[in-house]
Amino acid sequence: MLSNWLHPETIQLTESVSNWQEAIRQAAAPLLAREAIAPDYLEAIFRSHAELGPYYVLAPGLAMPHARPEEGALKNALSLLRVNQGVSFASEENDPVYVVILLSAVSGEEHIKMIGELAELFSDDSRLQQLLSATTLPALAAAVSDSSMEKTL
């Protein structure tokens, strides 16, 4: 379940950021503090963005930046940043981004497991809308909580 990786300490809310790089840095701060990622992990995300573009902007308003496990993932973890005013990631179809979920997985197997859990959240339209429209920390936590998932079953 998402609660194994996403905790109240890793959920943040901000009114605005100056650019997508700042959004990623801010989303990464709790994972850096918990030593779930190394600083190199951020550099790997920025390199991938420069090479491939914003491939991790998955849907309107939603980005999930991540890098390969060997590029600085130290623990399985997630962080979530809500940017109330949104931020451009240069993704014409999906900008502005309001929710940035940073993923750290220590292996390919764990990566797939975490993506699967997030896919359940993203494929539930009402939960996704709840997440994208949440503007307070309690609302964000409720949108990703396991009990919220149980209500939809």
Protein backbone atom coordinates (compact mmCIF):
# COMPACT_ATOMS: atom_id res chain seq x y z
CA MET A 1 0.00 0.00 0.00
CA LEU A 2 1.05 3.59 -0.57
CA SER A 3 1.30 4.20 3.18
CA ASN A 4 4.40 1.98 3.19
CA TRP A 5 6.23 4.65 1.22
CA LEU A 6 4.31 7.91 1.52
CA HIS A 7 4.11 9.41 5.01
CA PRO A 8 2.77 12.72 6.39
CA GLU A 9 6.41 13.87 6.70
CA THR A 10 6.89 13.44 2.94
CA ILE A 11 3.76 15.33 1.87
CA GLN A 12 4.23 19.04 1.27
CA LEU A 13 2.16 21.97 0.11
CA THR A 14 3.43 25.20 -1.39
CA GLU A 15 1.70 28.12 -3.03
CA SER A 16 4.16 28.44 -5.93
CA VAL A 17 7.62 27.61 -7.23
CA SER A 18 9.69 29.52 -9.76
CA ASN A 19 10.26 26.59 -12.16
CA TRP A 20 10.07 22.82 -12.59
CA GLN A 21 13.59 22.32 -11.22
CA GLU A 22 12.61 24.02 -7.98
CA ALA A 23 9.50 21.83 -7.80
CA ILE A 24 11.64 18.70 -8.09
CA ARG A 25 14.16 19.98 -5.53
CA GLN A 26 11.38 20.79 -3.09
CA ALA A 27 9.68 17.41 -3.66
CA ALA A 28 13.04 15.70 -3.08
CA ALA A 29 13.87 17.54 0.17
CA PRO A 30 12.06 15.09 2.50
CA LEU A 31 13.66 12.11 0.75
CA LEU A 32 17.10 13.67 1.02
CA ALA A 33 16.48 14.38 4.72
CA ARG A 34 15.41 10.76 5.29
CA GLU A 35 18.43 9.55 3.30
CA ALA A 36 16.15 7.75 0.86
CA ILE A 37 17.97 9.34 -2.09
CA ALA A 38 21.44 10.70 -2.68
CA PRO A 39 21.97 14.17 -4.21
CA ASP A 40 23.05 12.39 -7.42
CA TYR A 41 19.47 11.18 -7.81
CA LEU A 42 18.30 14.73 -8.52
CA GLU A 43 21.07 15.26 -11.05
CA ALA A 44 20.01 12.05 -12.81
CA ILE A 45 16.42 13.33 -13.03
CA PHE A 46 17.63 16.64 -14.47
CA ARG A 47 19.87 14.83 -17.01
CA SER A 48 16.98 12.60 -18.12
CA HIS A 49 14.75 15.64 -18.53
CA ALA A 50 17.42 17.34 -20.68
CA GLU A 51 17.82 14.21 -22.83
CA LEU A 52 14.24 12.93 -23.05
CA GLY A 53 12.04 15.87 -22.09
CA PRO A 54 9.29 15.73 -19.44
CA TYR A 55 8.42 12.06 -20.05
CA TYR A 56 7.43 11.72 -16.38
CA VAL A 57 4.54 14.19 -16.66
CA LEU A 58 1.93 11.46 -16.80
CA ALA A 59 -1.39 13.26 -17.02
CA PRO A 60 -2.79 16.78 -16.83
CA GLY A 61 -1.54 18.27 -13.57
CA LEU A 62 0.53 15.23 -12.51
CA ALA A 63 4.28 14.53 -12.65
CA MET A 64 6.23 11.59 -11.27
CA PRO A 65 9.93 12.32 -11.66
CA HIS A 66 12.32 9.49 -10.86
CA ALA A 67 15.67 8.04 -11.85
CA ARG A 68 17.12 4.56 -12.11
CA PRO A 69 17.86 2.74 -8.84
CA GLU A 70 21.62 2.82 -9.41
CA GLU A 71 21.54 6.61 -9.86
CA GLY A 72 21.14 7.33 -6.16
CA ALA A 73 18.05 5.53 -4.83
CA LEU A 74 18.94 4.43 -1.30
CA LYS A 75 15.52 3.39 0.05
CA ASN A 76 12.06 2.76 -1.33
CA ALA A 77 10.19 5.99 -0.74
CA LEU A 78 7.74 8.50 -2.17
CA SER A 79 7.25 12.19 -1.60
CA LEU A 80 4.40 14.39 -2.74
CA LEU A 81 4.46 18.11 -3.41
CA ARG A 82 1.30 20.07 -4.20
CA VAL A 83 1.97 23.38 -5.99
CA ASN A 84 -1.25 25.38 -5.69
CA GLN A 85 -0.47 27.76 -8.55
CA GLY A 86 0.91 25.00 -10.77
CA VAL A 87 4.22 24.92 -12.60
CA SER A 88 5.21 24.35 -16.22
CA PHE A 89 7.32 21.29 -17.00
CA ALA A 90 7.31 22.09 -20.75
CA SER A 91 4.69 19.39 -21.29
CA GLU A 92 2.23 21.05 -23.65
CA GLU A 93 -0.50 18.47 -23.12
CA ASN A 94 -0.28 18.23 -19.33
CA ASP A 95 0.90 21.60 -17.98
CA PRO A 96 0.48 23.13 -15.53
CA VAL A 97 1.53 20.47 -13.02
CA TYR A 98 -0.02 20.72 -9.55
CA VAL A 99 1.11 17.42 -8.02
CA VAL A 100 4.69 16.16 -8.11
CA ILE A 101 5.23 12.65 -6.75
CA LEU A 102 8.92 11.81 -6.49
CA LEU A 103 9.62 8.08 -6.55
CA SER A 104 12.72 6.31 -5.23
CA ALA A 105 12.99 2.55 -5.74
CA VAL A 106 16.11 0.51 -4.94
CA SER A 107 15.45 -2.17 -7.59
CA GLY A 108 13.53 -2.70 -10.79
CA GLU A 109 11.19 -5.08 -8.98
CA GLU A 110 10.41 -2.50 -6.28
CA HIS A 111 9.98 0.17 -8.95
CA ILE A 112 7.32 -1.93 -10.68
CA LYS A 113 5.59 -2.65 -7.37
CA MET A 114 5.46 1.05 -6.46
CA ILE A 115 4.29 2.07 -9.94
CA GLY A 116 1.52 -0.51 -9.67
CA GLU A 117 0.29 0.98 -6.40
CA LEU A 118 0.40 4.49 -7.86
CA ALA A 119 -1.37 3.30 -11.02
CA GLU A 120 -4.31 2.23 -8.87
CA LEU A 121 -4.52 5.77 -7.49
CA PHE A 122 -4.09 7.40 -10.91
CA SER A 123 -6.64 5.15 -12.63
CA ASP A 124 -9.38 5.95 -10.11
CA ASP A 125 -10.81 9.16 -11.56
CA SER A 126 -12.46 10.34 -8.34
CA ARG A 127 -9.30 9.76 -6.25
CA LEU A 128 -7.12 11.40 -8.89
CA GLN A 129 -9.41 14.43 -8.97
CA GLN A 130 -9.39 14.50 -5.16
CA LEU A 131 -5.58 14.52 -5.26
CA LEU A 132 -5.35 17.17 -7.99
CA SER A 133 -7.86 19.48 -6.29
CA ALA A 134 -6.57 19.11 -2.71
CA THR A 135 -5.19 22.40 -1.39
CA THR A 136 -4.51 21.51 2.25
CA LEU A 137 -2.18 18.97 3.85
CA PRO A 138 -5.06 16.96 5.40
CA ALA A 139 -6.83 16.81 2.02
CA LEU A 140 -3.64 15.63 0.32
CA ALA A 141 -3.07 12.97 2.96
CA ALA A 142 -6.68 11.81 2.64
CA ALA A 143 -6.39 11.59 -1.15
CA VAL A 144 -3.47 9.15 -0.95
CA SER A 145 -4.41 7.30 2.23
CA ASP A 146 -5.02 3.57 2.18
CA SER A 147 -8.42 4.09 3.85
CA SER A 148 -9.37 6.25 0.88
CA MET A 149 -8.60 3.26 -1.35
CA GLU A 150 -10.75 0.99 0.75
CA LYS A 151 -13.72 3.34 0.31
CA THR A 152 -13.50 2.94 -3.45
CA LEU A 153 -13.58 -0.87 -3.37
